[in-house]
Amino acid sequence: MEKNGNRWVLTALGRQINFWTRSVAKSQKKIFNQQKTSRNLHSRLPDINKDSALVLVNVQNGFDDPIWGARNNIDAEENIAQILSTWRSANRPVYHVQHHSKEPSSPLKWGTYGASFKTCAIPIKQEIVIEKFSNSAFVGTNFETTLRKIGHQTLVIAGFTTNHCISATIISAEALGFSAFVVEDACVAFDRVYIDGTLVKAHDTHRVVMANLNQEFANIVDTEILLKNACAPNPSFSL
């Protein structure tokens, strides 16, 4: 500062320092608010009650075919197996959605090895299998009727693929009045090619889809958070 007559005024350097200080403070506040928002999202997540149904979508061998290209979440099958084991140990409801492609050359064509379930998610006797021919597990199937008849209102969804059958199933579930959780590190996306020929990485596709679904159509969780809530001593669900 410098004295100008009877009062003190900021110099040009002082004004510049003041500007820098405000900019740094604003940036720090933004970072703090982002961290606070992230913590609050987790703290607002409800527990998963004993009637929450696990829905494993398209966990099928055909997705190992190299035709799909590179994928994200290489630990997805391990996470799916862990979640499924937890649900079975707690005697909680499990549904397996199985896609049967109508395309003759599809790795998921009905009756082929590709259409069968991966070893991490082979259904056992009491678990219901929903067979579908389109992206959403609710289209052209008895899935909605089955859920309502048994009384399962809350769905925990994982599987293949994030931007196709996972997204379509979750959006359908929300439209029909079901509550949904999607386990982001137990879902898989593959590389895609944009209309201009550029490659869109699986990781980027996955993140955009999850961002679109979050708090609009579903609660986004990861395996650790899911199992922490699911294994709570007195689990309860409330939005």
C-alpha atoms as a PDB file:
ATOM      1  CA  MET A   1       0.000   0.000   0.000  1.00  0.00           C
ATOM      2  CA  GLU A   2       1.031   3.648  -0.349  1.00  0.00           C
ATOM      3  CA  LYS A   3      -0.168   6.893   1.161  1.00  0.00           C
ATOM      4  CA  ASN A   4      -2.014   9.214  -1.151  1.00  0.00           C
ATOM      5  CA  GLY A   5      -2.768  12.453   0.628  1.00  0.00           C
ATOM      6  CA  ASN A   6      -4.496  11.586   3.906  1.00  0.00           C
ATOM      7  CA  ARG A   7      -5.412   8.010   3.048  1.00  0.00           C
ATOM      8  CA  TRP A   8      -3.784   4.727   2.198  1.00  0.00           C
ATOM      9  CA  VAL A   9      -4.479   3.126  -1.190  1.00  0.00           C
ATOM     10  CA  LEU A  10      -3.471  -0.116  -2.842  1.00  0.00           C
ATOM     11  CA  THR A  11      -0.578  -0.013  -5.241  1.00  0.00           C
ATOM     12  CA  ALA A  12      -0.733  -1.843  -8.577  1.00  0.00           C
ATOM     13  CA  LEU A  13       1.289  -4.665  -7.018  1.00  0.00           C
ATOM     14  CA  GLY A  14      -1.059  -4.746  -4.034  1.00  0.00           C
ATOM     15  CA  ARG A  15      -4.080  -5.050  -6.285  1.00  0.00           C
ATOM     16  CA  GLN A  16      -2.400  -7.914  -8.140  1.00  0.00           C
ATOM     17  CA  ILE A  17      -1.587  -9.739  -4.872  1.00  0.00           C
ATOM     18  CA  ASN A  18      -5.162  -9.203  -3.690  1.00  0.00           C
ATOM     19  CA  PHE A  19      -6.461 -10.692  -6.957  1.00  0.00           C
ATOM     20  CA  TRP A  20      -4.183 -13.733  -6.625  1.00  0.00           C
ATOM     21  CA  THR A  21      -5.255 -14.242  -3.009  1.00  0.00           C
ATOM     22  CA  ARG A  22      -8.962 -14.189  -3.915  1.00  0.00           C
ATOM     23  CA  SER A  23      -8.354 -16.600  -6.797  1.00  0.00           C
ATOM     24  CA  VAL A  24      -6.515 -19.071  -4.555  1.00  0.00           C
ATOM     25  CA  ALA A  25      -9.233 -18.827  -1.885  1.00  0.00           C
ATOM     26  CA  LYS A  26     -11.945 -19.415  -4.493  1.00  0.00           C
ATOM     27  CA  SER A  27     -10.108 -22.470  -5.852  1.00  0.00           C
ATOM     28  CA  GLN A  28      -9.624 -23.918  -2.367  1.00  0.00           C
ATOM     29  CA  LYS A  29     -13.310 -23.392  -1.567  1.00  0.00           C
ATOM     30  CA  LYS A  30     -14.306 -25.170  -4.795  1.00  0.00           C
ATOM     31  CA  ILE A  31     -12.076 -28.155  -3.965  1.00  0.00           C
ATOM     32  CA  PHE A  32     -13.464 -28.292  -0.421  1.00  0.00           C
ATOM     33  CA  ASN A  33     -17.048 -28.220  -1.681  1.00  0.00           C
ATOM     34  CA  GLN A  34     -16.318 -31.023  -4.165  1.00  0.00           C
ATOM     35  CA  GLN A  35     -14.808 -33.151  -1.397  1.00  0.00           C
ATOM     36  CA  LYS A  36     -17.739 -32.336   0.881  1.00  0.00           C
ATOM     37  CA  THR A  37     -20.216 -33.289  -1.853  1.00  0.00           C
ATOM     38  CA  SER A  38     -18.422 -36.594  -2.410  1.00  0.00           C
ATOM     39  CA  ARG A  39     -18.506 -37.366   1.326  1.00  0.00           C
ATOM     40  CA  ASN A  40     -22.166 -36.407   1.555  1.00  0.00           C
ATOM     41  CA  LEU A  41     -23.122 -38.661  -1.360  1.00  0.00           C
ATOM     42  CA  HIS A  42     -21.600 -41.585   0.488  1.00  0.00           C
ATOM     43  CA  SER A  43     -23.091 -40.593   3.834  1.00  0.00           C
ATOM     44  CA  ARG A  44     -26.562 -40.323   2.286  1.00  0.00           C
ATOM     45  CA  LEU A  45     -26.418 -43.837   0.859  1.00  0.00           C
ATOM     46  CA  PRO A  46     -29.022 -45.981   2.572  1.00  0.00           C
ATOM     47  CA  ASP A  47     -28.339 -49.448   3.872  1.00  0.00           C
ATOM     48  CA  ILE A  48     -29.340 -52.350   1.680  1.00  0.00           C
ATOM     49  CA  ASN A  49     -32.153 -54.290   3.321  1.00  0.00           C
ATOM     50  CA  LYS A  50     -32.539 -58.052   3.372  1.00  0.00           C
ATOM     51  CA  ASP A  51     -35.185 -57.970   0.633  1.00  0.00           C
ATOM     52  CA  SER A  52     -33.003 -56.069  -1.865  1.00  0.00           C
ATOM     53  CA  ALA A  53     -32.659 -58.230  -4.965  1.00  0.00           C
ATOM     54  CA  LEU A  54     -29.304 -58.693  -6.641  1.00  0.00           C
ATOM     55  CA  VAL A  55     -29.713 -58.524 -10.426  1.00  0.00           C
ATOM     56  CA  LEU A  56     -26.751 -59.799 -12.453  1.00  0.00           C
ATOM     57  CA  VAL A  57     -27.135 -58.727 -16.067  1.00  0.00           C
ATOM     58  CA  ASN A  58     -25.512 -60.652 -18.941  1.00  0.00           C
ATOM     59  CA  VAL A  59     -22.610 -62.143 -16.983  1.00  0.00           C
ATOM     60  CA  GLN A  60     -21.999 -64.415 -19.953  1.00  0.00           C
ATOM     61  CA  ASN A  61     -18.981 -66.016 -21.629  1.00  0.00           C
ATOM     62  CA  GLY A  62     -19.657 -64.248 -24.913  1.00  0.00           C
ATOM     63  CA  PHE A  63     -18.215 -61.023 -23.495  1.00  0.00           C
ATOM     64  CA  ASP A  64     -14.771 -62.627 -23.472  1.00  0.00           C
ATOM     65  CA  ASP A  65     -14.832 -62.618 -27.284  1.00  0.00           C
ATOM     66  CA  PRO A  66     -12.199 -60.232 -28.712  1.00  0.00           C
ATOM     67  CA  ILE A  67     -14.829 -58.810 -31.084  1.00  0.00           C
ATOM     68  CA  TRP A  68     -15.882 -56.415 -28.326  1.00  0.00           C
ATOM     69  CA  GLY A  69     -12.467 -54.764 -28.073  1.00  0.00           C
ATOM     70  CA  ALA A  70     -10.775 -53.405 -24.959  1.00  0.00           C
ATOM     71  CA  ARG A  71     -12.756 -53.133 -21.718  1.00  0.00           C
ATOM     72  CA  ASN A  72     -12.589 -51.414 -18.353  1.00  0.00           C
ATOM     73  CA  ASN A  73     -12.973 -52.819 -14.828  1.00  0.00           C
ATOM     74  CA  ILE A  74     -10.850 -55.940 -15.258  1.00  0.00           C
ATOM     75  CA  ASP A  75     -11.768 -56.931 -11.687  1.00  0.00           C
ATOM     76  CA  ALA A  76     -15.498 -56.828 -12.363  1.00  0.00           C
ATOM     77  CA  GLU A  77     -15.928 -60.606 -12.353  1.00  0.00           C
ATOM     78  CA  GLU A  78     -14.103 -60.866  -9.031  1.00  0.00           C
ATOM     79  CA  ASN A  79     -16.352 -58.161  -7.579  1.00  0.00           C
ATOM     80  CA  ILE A  80     -19.463 -59.859  -8.961  1.00  0.00           C
ATOM     81  CA  ALA A  81     -18.407 -63.142  -7.367  1.00  0.00           C
ATOM     82  CA  GLN A  82     -17.860 -61.408  -4.019  1.00  0.00           C
ATOM     83  CA  ILE A  83     -21.245 -59.681  -4.127  1.00  0.00           C
ATOM     84  CA  LEU A  84     -23.024 -62.872  -5.189  1.00  0.00           C
ATOM     85  CA  SER A  85     -21.350 -64.830  -2.388  1.00  0.00           C
ATOM     86  CA  THR A  86     -22.520 -62.220   0.150  1.00  0.00           C
ATOM     87  CA  TRP A  87     -26.097 -62.339  -1.130  1.00  0.00           C
ATOM     88  CA  ARG A  88     -26.157 -66.129  -1.072  1.00  0.00           C
ATOM     89  CA  SER A  89     -24.653 -66.328   2.408  1.00  0.00           C
ATOM     90  CA  ALA A  90     -27.365 -63.991   3.676  1.00  0.00           C
ATOM     91  CA  ASN A  91     -30.064 -65.940   1.805  1.00  0.00           C
ATOM     92  CA  ARG A  92     -31.051 -62.830  -0.142  1.00  0.00           C
ATOM     93  CA  PRO A  93     -32.834 -62.861  -3.530  1.00  0.00           C
ATOM     94  CA  VAL A  94     -30.750 -63.190  -6.704  1.00  0.00           C
ATOM     95  CA  TYR A  95     -31.845 -62.813 -10.330  1.00  0.00           C
ATOM     96  CA  HIS A  96     -29.726 -63.675 -13.360  1.00  0.00           C
ATOM     97  CA  VAL A  97     -30.529 -61.907 -16.630  1.00  0.00           C
ATOM     98  CA  GLN A  98     -29.397 -63.836 -19.702  1.00  0.00           C
ATOM     99  CA  HIS A  99     -29.228 -62.211 -23.131  1.00  0.00           C
ATOM    100  CA  HIS A 100     -29.994 -64.246 -26.235  1.00  0.00           C
ATOM    101  CA  SER A 101     -28.987 -62.430 -29.395  1.00  0.00           C
ATOM    102  CA  LYS A 102     -30.968 -62.869 -32.586  1.00  0.00           C
ATOM    103  CA  GLU A 103     -27.869 -62.139 -34.679  1.00  0.00           C
ATOM    104  CA  PRO A 104     -26.445 -65.361 -36.183  1.00  0.00           C
ATOM    105  CA  SER A 105     -22.834 -64.261 -35.691  1.00  0.00           C
ATOM    106  CA  SER A 106     -23.261 -62.835 -32.183  1.00  0.00           C
ATOM    107  CA  PRO A 107     -21.072 -64.187 -29.361  1.00  0.00           C
ATOM    108  CA  LEU A 108     -24.296 -64.237 -27.294  1.00  0.00           C
ATOM    109  CA  LYS A 109     -26.351 -66.331 -29.723  1.00  0.00           C
ATOM    110  CA  TRP A 110     -28.814 -68.650 -28.001  1.00  0.00           C
ATOM    111  CA  GLY A 111     -27.551 -72.195 -27.493  1.00  0.00           C
ATOM    112  CA  THR A 112     -23.861 -71.343 -27.839  1.00  0.00           C
ATOM    113  CA  TYR A 113     -21.082 -71.362 -25.243  1.00  0.00           C
ATOM    114  CA  GLY A 114     -21.053 -67.557 -25.383  1.00  0.00           C
ATOM    115  CA  ALA A 115     -24.644 -67.378 -24.178  1.00  0.00           C
ATOM    116  CA  SER A 116     -23.874 -69.464 -21.083  1.00  0.00           C
ATOM    117  CA  PHE A 117     -23.006 -67.880 -17.739  1.00  0.00           C
ATOM    118  CA  LYS A 118     -19.472 -67.115 -16.600  1.00  0.00           C
ATOM    119  CA  THR A 119     -18.161 -69.314 -13.787  1.00  0.00           C
ATOM    120  CA  CYS A 120     -18.330 -66.365 -11.365  1.00  0.00           C
ATOM    121  CA  ALA A 121     -22.123 -66.173 -11.717  1.00  0.00           C
ATOM    122  CA  ILE A 122     -23.625 -69.559 -12.491  1.00  0.00           C
ATOM    123  CA  PRO A 123     -27.184 -69.671 -11.117  1.00  0.00           C
ATOM    124  CA  ILE A 124     -28.084 -72.168  -8.426  1.00  0.00           C
ATOM    125  CA  LYS A 125     -31.425 -73.903  -8.062  1.00  0.00           C
ATOM    126  CA  GLN A 126     -33.415 -71.284  -6.139  1.00  0.00           C
ATOM    127  CA  GLU A 127     -32.205 -68.319  -8.231  1.00  0.00           C
ATOM    128  CA  ILE A 128     -34.440 -67.038 -11.028  1.00  0.00           C
ATOM    129  CA  VAL A 129     -33.136 -66.659 -14.596  1.00  0.00           C
ATOM    130  CA  ILE A 130     -34.724 -63.982 -16.785  1.00  0.00           C
ATOM    131  CA  GLU A 131     -34.140 -64.551 -20.508  1.00  0.00           C
ATOM    132  CA  LYS A 132     -34.256 -61.485 -22.751  1.00  0.00           C
ATOM    133  CA  PHE A 133     -33.740 -60.540 -26.395  1.00  0.00           C
ATOM    134  CA  SER A 134     -33.415 -56.748 -26.076  1.00  0.00           C
ATOM    135  CA  ASN A 135     -31.299 -54.406 -23.968  1.00  0.00           C
ATOM    136  CA  SER A 136     -33.664 -53.868 -21.050  1.00  0.00           C
ATOM    137  CA  ALA A 137     -34.379 -56.814 -18.756  1.00  0.00           C
ATOM    138  CA  PHE A 138     -37.949 -55.506 -18.502  1.00  0.00           C
ATOM    139  CA  VAL A 139     -38.794 -55.485 -22.226  1.00  0.00           C
ATOM    140  CA  GLY A 140     -40.475 -58.614 -23.562  1.00  0.00           C
ATOM    141  CA  THR A 141     -39.969 -60.522 -20.294  1.00  0.00           C
ATOM    142  CA  ASN A 142     -41.892 -61.350 -17.114  1.00  0.00           C
ATOM    143  CA  PHE A 143     -39.288 -59.628 -14.931  1.00  0.00           C
ATOM    144  CA  GLU A 144     -41.540 -56.824 -13.681  1.00  0.00           C
ATOM    145  CA  THR A 145     -44.393 -59.241 -12.927  1.00  0.00           C
ATOM    146  CA  THR A 146     -42.038 -61.567 -11.058  1.00  0.00           C
ATOM    147  CA  LEU A 147     -40.560 -58.779  -8.934  1.00  0.00           C
ATOM    148  CA  ARG A 148     -43.975 -57.423  -7.983  1.00  0.00           C
ATOM    149  CA  LYS A 149     -45.391 -60.861  -7.230  1.00  0.00           C
ATOM    150  CA  ILE A 150     -42.520 -61.709  -4.883  1.00  0.00           C
ATOM    151  CA  GLY A 151     -42.373 -58.175  -3.486  1.00  0.00           C
ATOM    152  CA  HIS A 152     -38.879 -57.005  -4.437  1.00  0.00           C
ATOM    153  CA  GLN A 153     -38.823 -53.221  -4.740  1.00  0.00           C
ATOM    154  CA  THR A 154     -35.090 -52.488  -4.444  1.00  0.00           C
ATOM    155  CA  LEU A 155     -32.620 -53.756  -7.044  1.00  0.00           C
ATOM    156  CA  VAL A 156     -28.826 -53.971  -6.870  1.00  0.00           C
ATOM    157  CA  ILE A 157     -27.556 -54.207 -10.446  1.00  0.00           C
ATOM    158  CA  ALA A 158     -24.213 -55.278 -11.939  1.00  0.00           C
ATOM    159  CA  GLY A 159     -22.918 -56.901 -15.113  1.00  0.00           C
ATOM    160  CA  PHE A 160     -22.506 -56.238 -18.851  1.00  0.00           C
ATOM    161  CA  THR A 161     -22.466 -53.752 -20.493  1.00  0.00           C
ATOM    162  CA  THR A 162     -22.597 -50.360 -18.821  1.00  0.00           C
ATOM    163  CA  ASN A 163     -23.802 -48.343 -21.809  1.00  0.00           C
ATOM    164  CA  HIS A 164     -26.229 -50.930 -23.168  1.00  0.00           C
ATOM    165  CA  CYS A 165     -28.095 -53.460 -21.038  1.00  0.00           C
ATOM    166  CA  ILE A 166     -27.121 -52.050 -17.640  1.00  0.00           C
ATOM    167  CA  SER A 167     -28.231 -48.529 -18.553  1.00  0.00           C
ATOM    168  CA  ALA A 168     -31.406 -49.697 -20.316  1.00  0.00           C
ATOM    169  CA  THR A 169     -32.409 -51.940 -17.414  1.00  0.00           C
ATOM    170  CA  ILE A 170     -31.846 -49.222 -14.803  1.00  0.00           C
ATOM    171  CA  ILE A 171     -33.788 -46.595 -16.741  1.00  0.00           C
ATOM    172  CA  SER A 172     -36.666 -49.058 -17.191  1.00  0.00           C
ATOM    173  CA  ALA A 173     -36.577 -49.932 -13.487  1.00  0.00           C
ATOM    174  CA  GLU A 174     -36.828 -46.277 -12.464  1.00  0.00           C
ATOM    175  CA  ALA A 175     -39.669 -45.644 -14.905  1.00  0.00           C
ATOM    176  CA  LEU A 176     -41.569 -48.585 -13.413  1.00  0.00           C
ATOM    177  CA  GLY A 177     -41.132 -47.300  -9.862  1.00  0.00           C
ATOM    178  CA  PHE A 178     -38.335 -49.556  -8.604  1.00  0.00           C
ATOM    179  CA  SER A 179     -35.391 -48.262  -6.562  1.00  0.00           C
ATOM    180  CA  ALA A 180     -32.004 -49.182  -8.011  1.00  0.00           C
ATOM    181  CA  PHE A 181     -28.380 -49.315  -7.001  1.00  0.00           C
ATOM    182  CA  VAL A 182     -25.717 -49.901  -9.645  1.00  0.00           C
ATOM    183  CA  VAL A 183     -22.302 -51.254  -8.618  1.00  0.00           C
ATOM    184  CA  GLU A 184     -19.957 -49.262 -10.806  1.00  0.00           C
ATOM    185  CA  ASP A 185     -16.844 -51.438 -10.380  1.00  0.00           C
ATOM    186  CA  ALA A 186     -18.891 -54.583 -11.077  1.00  0.00           C
ATOM    187  CA  CYS A 187     -20.069 -53.290 -14.473  1.00  0.00           C
ATOM    188  CA  VAL A 188     -18.112 -53.399 -17.721  1.00  0.00           C
ATOM    189  CA  ALA A 189     -17.954 -51.201 -20.813  1.00  0.00           C
ATOM    190  CA  PHE A 190     -15.975 -51.681 -24.015  1.00  0.00           C
ATOM    191  CA  ASP A 191     -14.234 -49.284 -26.368  1.00  0.00           C
ATOM    192  CA  ARG A 192     -16.568 -47.681 -28.907  1.00  0.00           C
ATOM    193  CA  VAL A 193     -16.040 -45.821 -32.175  1.00  0.00           C
ATOM    194  CA  TYR A 194     -17.621 -42.389 -32.541  1.00  0.00           C
ATOM    195  CA  ILE A 195     -19.354 -41.321 -35.778  1.00  0.00           C
ATOM    196  CA  ASP A 196     -16.227 -39.446 -36.912  1.00  0.00           C
ATOM    197  CA  GLY A 197     -14.153 -42.609 -36.562  1.00  0.00           C
ATOM    198  CA  THR A 198     -12.379 -41.636 -33.344  1.00  0.00           C
ATOM    199  CA  LEU A 199     -12.026 -44.157 -30.522  1.00  0.00           C
ATOM    200  CA  VAL A 200     -13.944 -43.614 -27.288  1.00  0.00           C
ATOM    201  CA  LYS A 201     -12.232 -45.490 -24.480  1.00  0.00           C
ATOM    202  CA  ALA A 202     -14.241 -47.887 -22.338  1.00  0.00           C
ATOM    203  CA  HIS A 203     -13.245 -46.024 -19.175  1.00  0.00           C
ATOM    204  CA  ASP A 204     -14.645 -42.763 -20.547  1.00  0.00           C
ATOM    205  CA  THR A 205     -17.885 -44.336 -21.758  1.00  0.00           C
ATOM    206  CA  HIS A 206     -18.350 -45.994 -18.369  1.00  0.00           C
ATOM    207  CA  ARG A 207     -17.819 -42.757 -16.428  1.00  0.00           C
ATOM    208  CA  VAL A 208     -20.222 -40.743 -18.587  1.00  0.00           C
ATOM    209  CA  VAL A 209     -22.986 -43.348 -18.280  1.00  0.00           C
ATOM    210  CA  MET A 210     -22.534 -43.603 -14.513  1.00  0.00           C
ATOM    211  CA  ALA A 211     -22.596 -39.803 -14.222  1.00  0.00           C
ATOM    212  CA  ASN A 212     -25.859 -39.711 -16.174  1.00  0.00           C
ATOM    213  CA  LEU A 213     -27.465 -42.423 -14.049  1.00  0.00           C
ATOM    214  CA  ASN A 214     -26.296 -41.103 -10.685  1.00  0.00           C
ATOM    215  CA  GLN A 215     -29.036 -39.622  -8.474  1.00  0.00           C
ATOM    216  CA  GLU A 216     -31.358 -39.456 -11.500  1.00  0.00           C
ATOM    217  CA  PHE A 217     -32.102 -43.124 -12.129  1.00  0.00           C
ATOM    218  CA  ALA A 218     -30.032 -44.942  -9.491  1.00  0.00           C
ATOM    219  CA  ASN A 219     -27.627 -44.693  -6.573  1.00  0.00           C
ATOM    220  CA  ILE A 220     -24.061 -45.349  -7.731  1.00  0.00           C
ATOM    221  CA  VAL A 221     -21.937 -47.434  -5.361  1.00  0.00           C
ATOM    222  CA  ASP A 222     -18.801 -49.528  -5.552  1.00  0.00           C
ATOM    223  CA  THR A 223     -18.353 -53.048  -4.207  1.00  0.00           C
ATOM    224  CA  GLU A 224     -16.763 -51.939  -0.937  1.00  0.00           C
ATOM    225  CA  ILE A 225     -19.507 -49.435  -0.108  1.00  0.00           C
ATOM    226  CA  LEU A 226     -22.229 -51.859  -1.176  1.00  0.00           C
ATOM    227  CA  LEU A 227     -21.001 -54.686   1.014  1.00  0.00           C
ATOM    228  CA  LYS A 228     -20.386 -52.348   3.938  1.00  0.00           C
ATOM    229  CA  ASN A 229     -24.048 -51.283   3.767  1.00  0.00           C
ATOM    230  CA  ALA A 230     -25.382 -54.729   2.917  1.00  0.00           C
ATOM    231  CA  CYS A 231     -23.560 -56.286   5.863  1.00  0.00           C
ATOM    232  CA  ALA A 232     -24.684 -53.682   8.401  1.00  0.00           C
ATOM    233  CA  PRO A 233     -25.871 -55.247  11.701  1.00  0.00           C
ATOM    234  CA  ASN A 234     -29.405 -53.915  11.242  1.00  0.00           C
ATOM    235  CA  PRO A 235     -29.734 -53.113   7.533  1.00  0.00           C
ATOM    236  CA  SER A 236     -32.614 -50.881   6.517  1.00  0.00           C
ATOM    237  CA  PHE A 237     -33.572 -49.005   3.380  1.00  0.00           C
ATOM    238  CA  SER A 238     -34.897 -45.488   3.166  1.00  0.00           C
ATOM    239  CA  LEU A 239     -34.470 -42.811   0.557  1.00  0.00           C
END
